[in-house]
Amino acid sequence: QVRLVESGGGLVQAGGSLRLSCVGSGRTFSRIAMAWFRQAPGKEREFVARSQIGGSTYYQDSVKGRFIISRGNVGDTLYLQMNSLEPEDTAVYYCAASSISYSPVRATDYNYWGQGTQVTVSS
């Protein structure tokens, strides 16, 4: 059974930092794209950052310069270092992976999802 399990969410004050982790199991993730999405109450799930095979990374404009996506040495772990957090970053954050698209962009391009971890940023 393929699984993605996120951890590291919590409550933090504006300007603070959090590091999210996502551990994959049940298959090898090092050869497929992985990403972070988030969903705030009443809003659609949105792309945050992607780690592409070969090392390329992509970010939503609103998190550029503040968030850093990276993979563990084994490749089955994904991280999201979030700095200078803002109340607008409050959401459930989801880890995702795609074995159906080489360069996945939309949420529908991903076929593996974690259960999510809550991030709350207070002002």
PDB file of N, CA and C in Angstrom:
ATOM      1  N   GLN A   1       0.847  -1.188   0.000  1.00  0.00           N
ATOM      2  CA  GLN A   1       0.000   0.000   0.000  1.00  0.00           C
ATOM      3  C   GLN A   1       0.887   1.246   0.000  1.00  0.00           C
ATOM      4  N   VAL A   2       0.615   2.141  -0.940  1.00  0.00           N
ATOM      5  CA  VAL A   2       1.386   3.375  -1.031  1.00  0.00           C
ATOM      6  C   VAL A   2       0.821   4.400  -0.058  1.00  0.00           C
ATOM      7  N   ARG A   3       1.715   5.003   0.706  1.00  0.00           N
ATOM      8  CA  ARG A   3       1.272   5.991   1.688  1.00  0.00           C
ATOM      9  C   ARG A   3       2.204   7.191   1.699  1.00  0.00           C
ATOM     10  N   LEU A   4       1.615   8.353   1.995  1.00  0.00           N
ATOM     11  CA  LEU A   4       2.367   9.580   2.269  1.00  0.00           C
ATOM     12  C   LEU A   4       1.866  10.093   3.605  1.00  0.00           C
ATOM     13  N   VAL A   5       2.775  10.339   4.522  1.00  0.00           N
ATOM     14  CA  VAL A   5       2.388  10.781   5.863  1.00  0.00           C
ATOM     15  C   VAL A   5       3.108  12.083   6.187  1.00  0.00           C
ATOM     16  N   GLU A   6       2.326  13.135   6.411  1.00  0.00           N
ATOM     17  CA  GLU A   6       2.884  14.442   6.745  1.00  0.00           C
ATOM     18  C   GLU A   6       2.981  14.622   8.250  1.00  0.00           C
ATOM     19  N   SER A   7       3.892  15.481   8.655  1.00  0.00           N
ATOM     20  CA  SER A   7       4.027  15.872  10.059  1.00  0.00           C
ATOM     21  C   SER A   7       4.690  17.243  10.114  1.00  0.00           C
ATOM     22  N   GLY A   8       4.651  17.847  11.290  1.00  0.00           N
ATOM     23  CA  GLY A   8       5.349  19.109  11.488  1.00  0.00           C
ATOM     24  C   GLY A   8       4.471  20.337  11.553  1.00  0.00           C
ATOM     25  N   GLY A   9       3.181  20.173  11.312  1.00  0.00           N
ATOM     26  CA  GLY A   9       2.293  21.325  11.400  1.00  0.00           C
ATOM     27  C   GLY A   9       2.112  21.778  12.838  1.00  0.00           C
ATOM     28  N   GLY A  10       1.462  22.924  13.002  1.00  0.00           N
ATOM     29  CA  GLY A  10       1.221  23.433  14.339  1.00  0.00           C
ATOM     30  C   GLY A  10       0.799  24.878  14.314  1.00  0.00           C
ATOM     31  N   LEU A  11       0.826  25.487  15.497  1.00  0.00           N
ATOM     32  CA  LEU A  11       0.459  26.891  15.674  1.00  0.00           C
ATOM     33  C   LEU A  11       1.731  27.713  15.849  1.00  0.00           C
ATOM     34  N   VAL A  12       1.847  28.780  15.083  1.00  0.00           N
ATOM     35  CA  VAL A  12       3.029  29.632  15.153  1.00  0.00           C
ATOM     36  C   VAL A  12       2.603  31.085  14.983  1.00  0.00           C
ATOM     37  N   GLN A  13       3.346  31.993  15.558  1.00  0.00           N
ATOM     38  CA  GLN A  13       3.065  33.417  15.391  1.00  0.00           C
ATOM     39  C   GLN A  13       3.582  33.915  14.043  1.00  0.00           C
ATOM     40  N   ALA A  14       2.971  34.960  13.561  1.00  0.00           N
ATOM     41  CA  ALA A  14       3.433  35.572  12.312  1.00  0.00           C
ATOM     42  C   ALA A  14       4.914  35.921  12.418  1.00  0.00           C
ATOM     43  N   GLY A  15       5.636  35.627  11.342  1.00  0.00           N
ATOM     44  CA  GLY A  15       7.075  35.835  11.331  1.00  0.00           C
ATOM     45  C   GLY A  15       7.876  34.628  11.748  1.00  0.00           C
ATOM     46  N   GLY A  16       7.200  33.620  12.277  1.00  0.00           N
ATOM     47  CA  GLY A  16       7.877  32.418  12.736  1.00  0.00           C
ATOM     48  C   GLY A  16       8.121  31.426  11.613  1.00  0.00           C
ATOM     49  N   SER A  17       8.629  30.258  11.993  1.00  0.00           N
ATOM     50  CA  SER A  17       8.992  29.223  11.024  1.00  0.00           C
ATOM     51  C   SER A  17       8.442  27.862  11.447  1.00  0.00           C
ATOM     52  N   LEU A  18       8.216  27.031  10.455  1.00  0.00           N
ATOM     53  CA  LEU A  18       7.851  25.628  10.662  1.00  0.00           C
ATOM     54  C   LEU A  18       8.511  24.805   9.566  1.00  0.00           C
ATOM     55  N   ARG A  19       8.776  23.544   9.883  1.00  0.00           N
ATOM     56  CA  ARG A  19       9.295  22.616   8.876  1.00  0.00           C
ATOM     57  C   ARG A  19       8.369  21.431   8.784  1.00  0.00           C
ATOM     58  N   LEU A  20       7.777  21.252   7.617  1.00  0.00           N
ATOM     59  CA  LEU A  20       6.908  20.107   7.368  1.00  0.00           C
ATOM     60  C   LEU A  20       7.719  18.959   6.779  1.00  0.00           C
ATOM     61  N   SER A  21       7.330  17.756   7.150  1.00  0.00           N
ATOM     62  CA  SER A  21       7.960  16.553   6.613  1.00  0.00           C
ATOM     63  C   SER A  21       6.895  15.654   6.015  1.00  0.00           C
ATOM     64  N   CYS A  22       7.285  14.903   5.017  1.00  0.00           N
ATOM     65  CA  CYS A  22       6.387  13.926   4.375  1.00  0.00           C
ATOM     66  C   CYS A  22       7.208  12.674   4.106  1.00  0.00           C
ATOM     67  N   VAL A  23       6.776  11.565   4.671  1.00  0.00           N
ATOM     68  CA  VAL A  23       7.477  10.306   4.473  1.00  0.00           C
ATOM     69  C   VAL A  23       6.636   9.390   3.606  1.00  0.00           C
ATOM     70  N   GLY A  24       7.234   8.909   2.529  1.00  0.00           N
ATOM     71  CA  GLY A  24       6.543   8.011   1.624  1.00  0.00           C
ATOM     72  C   GLY A  24       6.924   6.557   1.864  1.00  0.00           C
ATOM     73  N   SER A  25       5.979   5.659   1.598  1.00  0.00           N
ATOM     74  CA  SER A  25       6.244   4.235   1.721  1.00  0.00           C
ATOM     75  C   SER A  25       5.395   3.480   0.716  1.00  0.00           C
ATOM     76  N   GLY A  26       5.777   2.245   0.437  1.00  0.00           N
ATOM     77  CA  GLY A  26       5.004   1.405  -0.470  1.00  0.00           C
ATOM     78  C   GLY A  26       5.486   1.451  -1.913  1.00  0.00           C
ATOM     79  N   ARG A  27       6.353   2.382  -2.243  1.00  0.00           N
ATOM     80  CA  ARG A  27       6.979   2.462  -3.562  1.00  0.00           C
ATOM     81  C   ARG A  27       8.157   3.409  -3.447  1.00  0.00           C
ATOM     82  N   THR A  28       8.920   3.503  -4.528  1.00  0.00           N
ATOM     83  CA  THR A  28      10.045   4.427  -4.576  1.00  0.00           C
ATOM     84  C   THR A  28       9.577   5.786  -5.087  1.00  0.00           C
ATOM     85  N   PHE A  29       9.848   6.823  -4.295  1.00  0.00           N
ATOM     86  CA  PHE A  29       9.419   8.160  -4.668  1.00  0.00           C
ATOM     87  C   PHE A  29      10.546   8.997  -5.267  1.00  0.00           C
ATOM     88  N   SER A  30      11.747   8.485  -5.205  1.00  0.00           N
ATOM     89  CA  SER A  30      12.891   9.287  -5.649  1.00  0.00           C
ATOM     90  C   SER A  30      12.868   9.568  -7.147  1.00  0.00           C
ATOM     91  N   ARG A  31      12.105   8.798  -7.903  1.00  0.00           N
ATOM     92  CA  ARG A  31      12.085   8.973  -9.361  1.00  0.00           C
ATOM     93  C   ARG A  31      10.823   9.637  -9.877  1.00  0.00           C
ATOM     94  N   ILE A  32      10.021  10.195  -8.977  1.00  0.00           N
ATOM     95  CA  ILE A  32       8.804  10.879  -9.421  1.00  0.00           C
ATOM     96  C   ILE A  32       8.712  12.245  -8.754  1.00  0.00           C
ATOM     97  N   ALA A  33       7.945  13.134  -9.375  1.00  0.00           N
ATOM     98  CA  ALA A  33       7.769  14.472  -8.829  1.00  0.00           C
ATOM     99  C   ALA A  33       6.948  14.419  -7.544  1.00  0.00           C
ATOM    100  N   MET A  34       7.317  15.288  -6.616  1.00  0.00           N
ATOM    101  CA  MET A  34       6.578  15.426  -5.364  1.00  0.00           C
ATOM    102  C   MET A  34       6.313  16.905  -5.117  1.00  0.00           C
ATOM    103  N   ALA A  35       5.269  17.183  -4.359  1.00  0.00           N
ATOM    104  CA  ALA A  35       4.862  18.571  -4.185  1.00  0.00           C
ATOM    105  C   ALA A  35       4.132  18.776  -2.865  1.00  0.00           C
ATOM    106  N   TRP A  36       3.991  20.048  -2.531  1.00  0.00           N
ATOM    107  CA  TRP A  36       3.142  20.456  -1.409  1.00  0.00           C
ATOM    108  C   TRP A  36       1.995  21.297  -1.963  1.00  0.00           C
ATOM    109  N   PHE A  37       0.808  21.011  -1.481  1.00  0.00           N
ATOM    110  CA  PHE A  37      -0.376  21.810  -1.745  1.00  0.00           C
ATOM    111  C   PHE A  37      -0.922  22.265  -0.389  1.00  0.00           C
ATOM    112  N   ARG A  38      -1.839  23.218  -0.433  1.00  0.00           N
ATOM    113  CA  ARG A  38      -2.511  23.630   0.796  1.00  0.00           C
ATOM    114  C   ARG A  38      -3.954  24.002   0.480  1.00  0.00           C
ATOM    115  N   GLN A  39      -4.773  23.908   1.520  1.00  0.00           N
ATOM    116  CA  GLN A  39      -6.186  24.252   1.378  1.00  0.00           C
ATOM    117  C   GLN A  39      -6.647  24.980   2.623  1.00  0.00           C
ATOM    118  N   ALA A  40      -7.057  26.232   2.429  1.00  0.00           N
ATOM    119  CA  ALA A  40      -7.597  27.039   3.515  1.00  0.00           C
ATOM    120  C   ALA A  40      -9.109  26.840   3.576  1.00  0.00           C
ATOM    121  N   PRO A  41      -9.732  27.100   4.715  1.00  0.00           N
ATOM    122  CA  PRO A  41     -11.184  26.929   4.832  1.00  0.00           C
ATOM    123  C   PRO A  41     -11.931  27.738   3.783  1.00  0.00           C
ATOM    124  N   GLY A  42     -12.846  27.071   3.087  1.00  0.00           N
ATOM    125  CA  GLY A  42     -13.658  27.746   2.093  1.00  0.00           C
ATOM    126  C   GLY A  42     -12.964  28.027   0.781  1.00  0.00           C
ATOM    127  N   LYS A  43     -11.740  27.545   0.630  1.00  0.00           N
ATOM    128  CA  LYS A  43     -10.987  27.802  -0.607  1.00  0.00           C
ATOM    129  C   LYS A  43     -10.602  26.482  -1.267  1.00  0.00           C
ATOM    130  N   GLU A  44     -10.248  26.579  -2.534  1.00  0.00           N
ATOM    131  CA  GLU A  44      -9.812  25.402  -3.263  1.00  0.00           C
ATOM    132  C   GLU A  44      -8.371  25.049  -2.875  1.00  0.00           C
ATOM    133  N   ARG A  45      -8.030  23.791  -3.074  1.00  0.00           N
ATOM    134  CA  ARG A  45      -6.654  23.354  -2.829  1.00  0.00           C
ATOM    135  C   ARG A  45      -5.747  24.043  -3.841  1.00  0.00           C
ATOM    136  N   GLU A  46      -4.621  24.568  -3.369  1.00  0.00           N
ATOM    137  CA  GLU A  46      -3.720  25.298  -4.253  1.00  0.00           C
ATOM    138  C   GLU A  46      -2.294  24.772  -4.151  1.00  0.00           C
ATOM    139  N   PHE A  47      -1.592  24.909  -5.250  1.00  0.00           N
ATOM    140  CA  PHE A  47      -0.198  24.507  -5.340  1.00  0.00           C
ATOM    141  C   PHE A  47       0.675  25.415  -4.488  1.00  0.00           C
ATOM    142  N   VAL A  48       1.655  24.828  -3.801  1.00  0.00           N
ATOM    143  CA  VAL A  48       2.600  25.601  -3.011  1.00  0.00           C
ATOM    144  C   VAL A  48       4.016  25.488  -3.593  1.00  0.00           C
ATOM    145  N   ALA A  49       4.491  24.252  -3.745  1.00  0.00           N
ATOM    146  CA  ALA A  49       5.851  24.049  -4.233  1.00  0.00           C
ATOM    147  C   ALA A  49       5.992  22.637  -4.796  1.00  0.00           C
ATOM    148  N   ARG A  50       6.906  22.482  -5.765  1.00  0.00           N
ATOM    149  CA  ARG A  50       7.124  21.185  -6.387  1.00  0.00           C
ATOM    150  C   ARG A  50       8.610  20.886  -6.486  1.00  0.00           C
ATOM    151  N   SER A  51       8.944  19.614  -6.260  1.00  0.00           N
ATOM    152  CA  SER A  51      10.311  19.121  -6.430  1.00  0.00           C
ATOM    153  C   SER A  51      10.306  18.172  -7.618  1.00  0.00           C
ATOM    154  N   GLN A  52      10.987  18.590  -8.677  1.00  0.00           N
ATOM    155  CA  GLN A  52      10.981  17.821  -9.913  1.00  0.00           C
ATOM    156  C   GLN A  52      12.168  16.867  -9.938  1.00  0.00           C
ATOM    157  N   ILE A  53      12.048  15.777 -10.669  1.00  0.00           N
ATOM    158  CA  ILE A  53      13.179  14.885 -10.882  1.00  0.00           C
ATOM    159  C   ILE A  53      14.269  15.668 -11.593  1.00  0.00           C
ATOM    160  N   GLY A  54      15.486  15.528 -11.122  1.00  0.00           N
ATOM    161  CA  GLY A  54      16.595  16.286 -11.688  1.00  0.00           C
ATOM    162  C   GLY A  54      16.976  17.474 -10.842  1.00  0.00           C
ATOM    163  N   GLY A  55      16.117  17.785  -9.847  1.00  0.00           N
ATOM    164  CA  GLY A  55      16.479  18.828  -8.900  1.00  0.00           C
ATOM    165  C   GLY A  55      15.764  20.149  -9.056  1.00  0.00           C
ATOM    166  N   SER A  56      15.044  20.347 -10.138  1.00  0.00           N
ATOM    167  CA  SER A  56      14.342  21.623 -10.311  1.00  0.00           C
ATOM    168  C   SER A  56      13.234  21.772  -9.276  1.00  0.00           C
ATOM    169  N   THR A  57      13.058  23.007  -8.841  1.00  0.00           N
ATOM    170  CA  THR A  57      11.986  23.305  -7.895  1.00  0.00           C
ATOM    171  C   THR A  57      11.155  24.468  -8.415  1.00  0.00           C
ATOM    172  N   TYR A  58       9.890  24.465  -8.031  1.00  0.00           N
ATOM    173  CA  TYR A  58       8.958  25.497  -8.473  1.00  0.00           C
ATOM    174  C   TYR A  58       8.121  25.933  -7.274  1.00  0.00           C
ATOM    175  N   TYR A  59       7.762  27.204  -7.245  1.00  0.00           N
ATOM    176  CA  TYR A  59       7.023  27.751  -6.116  1.00  0.00           C
ATOM    177  C   TYR A  59       5.877  28.628  -6.577  1.00  0.00           C
ATOM    178  N   GLN A  60       4.848  28.660  -5.751  1.00  0.00           N
ATOM    179  CA  GLN A  60       3.802  29.661  -5.933  1.00  0.00           C
ATOM    180  C   GLN A  60       4.426  31.025  -5.640  1.00  0.00           C
ATOM    181  N   ASP A  61       3.994  32.030  -6.369  1.00  0.00           N
ATOM    182  CA  ASP A  61       4.601  33.360  -6.219  1.00  0.00           C
ATOM    183  C   ASP A  61       4.555  33.869  -4.777  1.00  0.00           C
ATOM    184  N   SER A  62       3.472  33.596  -4.077  1.00  0.00           N
ATOM    185  CA  SER A  62       3.312  34.169  -2.737  1.00  0.00           C
ATOM    186  C   SER A  62       4.265  33.573  -1.706  1.00  0.00           C
ATOM    187  N   VAL A  63       4.895  32.445  -2.019  1.00  0.00           N
ATOM    188  CA  VAL A  63       5.805  31.822  -1.048  1.00  0.00           C
ATOM    189  C   VAL A  63       7.261  31.891  -1.486  1.00  0.00           C
ATOM    190  N   LYS A  64       7.517  32.413  -2.671  1.00  0.00           N
ATOM    191  CA  LYS A  64       8.897  32.522  -3.148  1.00  0.00           C
ATOM    192  C   LYS A  64       9.719  33.379  -2.202  1.00  0.00           C
ATOM    193  N   GLY A  65      10.910  32.883  -1.867  1.00  0.00           N
ATOM    194  CA  GLY A  65      11.788  33.603  -0.959  1.00  0.00           C
ATOM    195  C   GLY A  65      11.505  33.320   0.497  1.00  0.00           C
ATOM    196  N   ARG A  66      10.389  32.661   0.791  1.00  0.00           N
ATOM    197  CA  ARG A  66      10.045  32.336   2.181  1.00  0.00           C
ATOM    198  C   ARG A  66      10.048  30.832   2.430  1.00  0.00           C
ATOM    199  N   PHE A  67       9.603  30.036   1.462  1.00  0.00           N
ATOM    200  CA  PHE A  67       9.505  28.586   1.606  1.00  0.00           C
ATOM    201  C   PHE A  67      10.596  27.914   0.775  1.00  0.00           C
ATOM    202  N   ILE A  68      11.064  26.769   1.284  1.00  0.00           N
ATOM    203  CA  ILE A  68      12.047  25.971   0.555  1.00  0.00           C
ATOM    204  C   ILE A  68      11.609  24.513   0.571  1.00  0.00           C
ATOM    205  N   ILE A  69      11.478  23.935  -0.622  1.00  0.00           N
ATOM    206  CA  ILE A  69      11.135  22.511  -0.739  1.00  0.00           C
ATOM    207  C   ILE A  69      12.418  21.725  -0.955  1.00  0.00           C
ATOM    208  N   SER A  70      12.513  20.570  -0.329  1.00  0.00           N
ATOM    209  CA  SER A  70      13.713  19.745  -0.490  1.00  0.00           C
ATOM    210  C   SER A  70      13.359  18.284  -0.241  1.00  0.00           C
ATOM    211  N   ARG A  71      14.273  17.419  -0.647  1.00  0.00           N
ATOM    212  CA  ARG A  71      14.091  15.975  -0.425  1.00  0.00           C
ATOM    213  C   ARG A  71      15.190  15.457   0.493  1.00  0.00           C
ATOM    214  N   GLY A  72      14.848  14.380   1.188  1.00  0.00           N
ATOM    215  CA  GLY A  72      15.838  13.726   2.005  1.00  0.00           C
ATOM    216  C   GLY A  72      16.835  12.965   1.140  1.00  0.00           C
ATOM    217  N   ASN A  73      17.903  12.489   1.742  1.00  0.00           N
ATOM    218  CA  ASN A  73      18.949  11.781   0.996  1.00  0.00           C
ATOM    219  C   ASN A  73      18.423  10.524   0.318  1.00  0.00           C
ATOM    220  N   VAL A  74      17.473   9.870   0.943  1.00  0.00           N
ATOM    221  CA  VAL A  74      16.925   8.639   0.385  1.00  0.00           C
ATOM    222  C   VAL A  74      15.967   8.946  -0.749  1.00  0.00           C
ATOM    223  N   GLY A  75      15.327  10.099  -0.712  1.00  0.00           N
ATOM    224  CA  GLY A  75      14.425  10.485  -1.785  1.00  0.00           C
ATOM    225  C   GLY A  75      12.973  10.189  -1.507  1.00  0.00           C
ATOM    226  N   ASP A  76      12.704   9.418  -0.456  1.00  0.00           N
ATOM    227  CA  ASP A  76      11.328   9.109  -0.129  1.00  0.00           C
ATOM    228  C   ASP A  76      10.768  10.049   0.934  1.00  0.00           C
ATOM    229  N   THR A  77      11.538  11.059   1.286  1.00  0.00           N
ATOM    230  CA  THR A  77      11.095  12.051   2.243  1.00  0.00           C
ATOM    231  C   THR A  77      11.118  13.423   1.588  1.00  0.00           C
ATOM    232  N   LEU A  78      10.071  14.186   1.828  1.00  0.00           N
ATOM    233  CA  LEU A  78       9.940  15.527   1.275  1.00  0.00           C
ATOM    234  C   LEU A  78       9.784  16.502   2.426  1.00  0.00           C
ATOM    235  N   TYR A  79      10.422  17.658   2.296  1.00  0.00           N
ATOM    236  CA  TYR A  79      10.354  18.675   3.336  1.00  0.00           C
ATOM    237  C   TYR A  79       9.840  19.984   2.761  1.00  0.00           C
ATOM    238  N   LEU A  80       9.281  20.797   3.649  1.00  0.00           N
ATOM    239  CA  LEU A  80       8.929  22.161   3.303  1.00  0.00           C
ATOM    240  C   LEU A  80       9.334  23.047   4.478  1.00  0.00           C
ATOM    241  N   GLN A  81      10.404  23.802   4.292  1.00  0.00           N
ATOM    242  CA  GLN A  81      10.826  24.768   5.294  1.00  0.00           C
ATOM    243  C   GLN A  81      10.074  26.059   5.042  1.00  0.00           C
ATOM    244  N   MET A  82       9.304  26.483   6.031  1.00  0.00           N
ATOM    245  CA  MET A  82       8.468  27.673   5.877  1.00  0.00           C
ATOM    246  C   MET A  82       8.962  28.751   6.842  1.00  0.00           C
ATOM    247  N   ASN A  83       9.424  29.849   6.291  1.00  0.00           N
ATOM    248  CA  ASN A  83       9.937  30.962   7.078  1.00  0.00           C
ATOM    249  C   ASN A  83       9.069  32.202   6.874  1.00  0.00           C
ATOM    250  N   SER A  84       9.210  33.158   7.760  1.00  0.00           N
ATOM    251  CA  SER A  84       8.457  34.414   7.672  1.00  0.00           C
ATOM    252  C   SER A  84       6.982  34.146   7.422  1.00  0.00           C
ATOM    253  N   LEU A  85       6.427  33.259   8.212  1.00  0.00           N
ATOM    254  CA  LEU A  85       5.030  32.855   8.016  1.00  0.00           C
ATOM    255  C   LEU A  85       4.078  34.017   8.237  1.00  0.00           C
ATOM    256  N   GLU A  86       3.005  34.005   7.461  1.00  0.00           N
ATOM    257  CA  GLU A  86       1.977  35.045   7.511  1.00  0.00           C
ATOM    258  C   GLU A  86       0.639  34.389   7.825  1.00  0.00           C
ATOM    259  N   PRO A  87      -0.296  35.139   8.404  1.00  0.00           N
ATOM    260  CA  PRO A  87      -1.626  34.555   8.673  1.00  0.00           C
ATOM    261  C   PRO A  87      -2.269  33.959   7.415  1.00  0.00           C
ATOM    262  N   GLU A  88      -1.947  34.524   6.255  1.00  0.00           N
ATOM    263  CA  GLU A  88      -2.503  34.015   5.001  1.00  0.00           C
ATOM    264  C   GLU A  88      -1.978  32.622   4.643  1.00  0.00           C
ATOM    265  N   ASP A  89      -0.944  32.177   5.326  1.00  0.00           N
ATOM    266  CA  ASP A  89      -0.411  30.827   5.095  1.00  0.00           C
ATOM    267  C   ASP A  89      -1.187  29.754   5.864  1.00  0.00           C
ATOM    268  N   THR A  90      -2.125  30.173   6.691  1.00  0.00           N
ATOM    269  CA  THR A  90      -2.913  29.226   7.459  1.00  0.00           C
ATOM    270  C   THR A  90      -3.717  28.324   6.528  1.00  0.00           C
ATOM    271  N   ALA A  91      -3.532  27.017   6.693  1.00  0.00           N
ATOM    272  CA  ALA A  91      -4.205  26.045   5.823  1.00  0.00           C
ATOM    273  C   ALA A  91      -3.834  24.639   6.278  1.00  0.00           C
ATOM    274  N   VAL A  92      -4.513  23.671   5.696  1.00  0.00           N
ATOM    275  CA  VAL A  92      -4.058  22.281   5.801  1.00  0.00           C
ATOM    276  C   VAL A  92      -3.088  22.059   4.649  1.00  0.00           C
ATOM    277  N   TYR A  93      -1.908  21.565   4.963  1.00  0.00           N
ATOM    278  CA  TYR A  93      -0.872  21.338   3.965  1.00  0.00           C
ATOM    279  C   TYR A  93      -0.813  19.853   3.624  1.00  0.00           C
ATOM    280  N   TYR A  94      -0.813  19.569   2.316  1.00  0.00           N
ATOM    281  CA  TYR A  94      -0.824  18.200   1.819  1.00  0.00           C
ATOM    282  C   TYR A  94       0.437  17.905   1.019  1.00  0.00           C
ATOM    283  N   CYS A  95       0.966  16.741   1.235  1.00  0.00           N
ATOM    284  CA  CYS A  95       2.060  16.210   0.430  1.00  0.00           C
ATOM    285  C   CYS A  95       1.455  15.404  -0.712  1.00  0.00           C
ATOM    286  N   ALA A  96       2.028  15.514  -1.905  1.00  0.00           N
ATOM    287  CA  ALA A  96       1.509  14.796  -3.059  1.00  0.00           C
ATOM    288  C   ALA A  96       2.655  14.281  -3.913  1.00  0.00           C
ATOM    289  N   ALA A  97       2.381  13.220  -4.654  1.00  0.00           N
ATOM    290  CA  ALA A  97       3.368  12.656  -5.581  1.00  0.00           C
ATOM    291  C   ALA A  97       2.644  12.197  -6.834  1.00  0.00           C
ATOM    292  N   SER A  98       3.369  12.216  -7.954  1.00  0.00           N
ATOM    293  CA  SER A  98       2.744  11.852  -9.206  1.00  0.00           C
ATOM    294  C   SER A  98       3.554  10.805  -9.954  1.00  0.00           C
ATOM    295  N   SER A  99       2.912   9.665 -10.232  1.00  0.00           N
ATOM    296  CA  SER A  99       3.516   8.642 -11.096  1.00  0.00           C
ATOM    297  C   SER A  99       2.841   8.635 -12.462  1.00  0.00           C
ATOM    298  N   ILE A 100       1.937   9.611 -12.695  1.00  0.00           N
ATOM    299  CA  ILE A 100       1.192   9.657 -13.951  1.00  0.00           C
ATOM    300  C   ILE A 100       1.564  10.844 -14.814  1.00  0.00           C
ATOM    301  N   SER A 101       2.357  11.768 -14.282  1.00  0.00           N
ATOM    302  CA  SER A 101       2.773  12.944 -15.037  1.00  0.00           C
ATOM    303  C   SER A 101       4.218  13.264 -14.724  1.00  0.00           C
ATOM    304  N   TYR A 102       5.008  13.505 -15.774  1.00  0.00           N
ATOM    305  CA  TYR A 102       6.425  13.840 -15.551  1.00  0.00           C
ATOM    306  C   TYR A 102       6.588  15.232 -14.971  1.00  0.00           C
ATOM    307  N   SER A 103       5.715  16.132 -15.366  1.00  0.00           N
ATOM    308  CA  SER A 103       5.787  17.509 -14.902  1.00  0.00           C
ATOM    309  C   SER A 103       4.408  17.954 -14.418  1.00  0.00           C
ATOM    310  N   PRO A 104       3.981  17.404 -13.299  1.00  0.00           N
ATOM    311  CA  PRO A 104       2.630  17.698 -12.814  1.00  0.00           C
ATOM    312  C   PRO A 104       2.489  19.128 -12.326  1.00  0.00           C
ATOM    313  N   VAL A 105       1.368  19.739 -12.676  1.00  0.00           N
ATOM    314  CA  VAL A 105       1.114  21.126 -12.284  1.00  0.00           C
ATOM    315  C   VAL A 105      -0.130  21.205 -11.405  1.00  0.00           C
ATOM    316  N   ARG A 106      -1.249  20.713 -11.930  1.00  0.00           N
ATOM    317  CA  ARG A 106      -2.518  20.793 -11.211  1.00  0.00           C
ATOM    318  C   ARG A 106      -2.636  19.652 -10.198  1.00  0.00           C
ATOM    319  N   ALA A 107      -3.544  19.848  -9.254  1.00  0.00           N
ATOM    320  CA  ALA A 107      -3.787  18.797  -8.262  1.00  0.00           C
ATOM    321  C   ALA A 107      -4.209  17.494  -8.921  1.00  0.00           C
ATOM    322  N   THR A 108      -4.941  17.581 -10.013  1.00  0.00           N
ATOM    323  CA  THR A 108      -5.407  16.383 -10.716  1.00  0.00           C
ATOM    324  C   THR A 108      -4.270  15.621 -11.397  1.00  0.00           C
ATOM    325  N   ASP A 109      -3.103  16.229 -11.490  1.00  0.00           N
ATOM    326  CA  ASP A 109      -1.934  15.554 -12.076  1.00  0.00           C
ATOM    327  C   ASP A 109      -1.248  14.638 -11.068  1.00  0.00           C
ATOM    328  N   TYR A 110      -1.684  14.682  -9.810  1.00  0.00           N
ATOM    329  CA  TYR A 110      -1.064  13.882  -8.753  1.00  0.00           C
ATOM    330  C   TYR A 110      -1.984  12.738  -8.363  1.00  0.00           C
ATOM    331  N   ASN A 111      -1.422  11.559  -8.186  1.00  0.00           N
ATOM    332  CA  ASN A 111      -2.246  10.399  -7.836  1.00  0.00           C
ATOM    333  C   ASN A 111      -1.971   9.835  -6.439  1.00  0.00           C
ATOM    334  N   TYR A 112      -0.998  10.403  -5.741  1.00  0.00           N
ATOM    335  CA  TYR A 112      -0.753   9.994  -4.356  1.00  0.00           C
ATOM    336  C   TYR A 112      -0.874  11.227  -3.455  1.00  0.00           C
ATOM    337  N   TRP A 113      -1.605  11.078  -2.347  1.00  0.00           N
ATOM    338  CA  TRP A 113      -1.831  12.196  -1.434  1.00  0.00           C
ATOM    339  C   TRP A 113      -1.695  11.737   0.012  1.00  0.00           C
ATOM    340  N   GLY A 114      -1.169  12.636   0.854  1.00  0.00           N
ATOM    341  CA  GLY A 114      -1.183  12.396   2.282  1.00  0.00           C
ATOM    342  C   GLY A 114      -2.485  12.883   2.887  1.00  0.00           C
ATOM    343  N   GLN A 115      -2.597  12.726   4.203  1.00  0.00           N
ATOM    344  CA  GLN A 115      -3.831  13.088   4.886  1.00  0.00           C
ATOM    345  C   GLN A 115      -3.864  14.554   5.292  1.00  0.00           C
ATOM    346  N   GLY A 116      -2.722  15.224   5.232  1.00  0.00           N
ATOM    347  CA  GLY A 116      -2.654  16.649   5.536  1.00  0.00           C
ATOM    348  C   GLY A 116      -2.214  16.929   6.959  1.00  0.00           C
ATOM    349  N   THR A 117      -1.619  18.106   7.136  1.00  0.00           N
ATOM    350  CA  THR A 117      -1.219  18.571   8.464  1.00  0.00           C
ATOM    351  C   THR A 117      -1.593  20.057   8.577  1.00  0.00           C
ATOM    352  N   GLN A 118      -2.174  20.427   9.711  1.00  0.00           N
ATOM    353  CA  GLN A 118      -2.693  21.781   9.895  1.00  0.00           C
ATOM    354  C   GLN A 118      -1.573  22.747  10.257  1.00  0.00           C
ATOM    355  N   VAL A 119      -1.543  23.860   9.569  1.00  0.00           N
ATOM    356  CA  VAL A 119      -0.639  24.967   9.897  1.00  0.00           C
ATOM    357  C   VAL A 119      -1.505  26.185  10.197  1.00  0.00           C
ATOM    358  N   THR A 120      -1.322  26.740  11.380  1.00  0.00           N
ATOM    359  CA  THR A 120      -2.070  27.921  11.783  1.00  0.00           C
ATOM    360  C   THR A 120      -1.089  29.020  12.176  1.00  0.00           C
ATOM    361  N   VAL A 121      -1.225  30.176  11.529  1.00  0.00           N
ATOM    362  CA  VAL A 121      -0.339  31.303  11.802  1.00  0.00           C
ATOM    363  C   VAL A 121      -1.172  32.418  12.434  1.00  0.00           C
ATOM    364  N   SER A 122      -0.836  32.770  13.641  1.00  0.00           N
ATOM    365  CA  SER A 122      -1.580  33.819  14.347  1.00  0.00           C
ATOM    366  C   SER A 122      -0.928  35.181  14.122  1.00  0.00           C
ATOM    367  N   SER A 123      -1.778  36.208  14.107  1.00  0.00           N
ATOM    368  CA  SER A 123      -1.258  37.568  13.863  1.00  0.00           C
ATOM    369  C   SER A 123      -0.864  38.260  15.155  1.00  0.00           C
TER     370      SER A 123
END
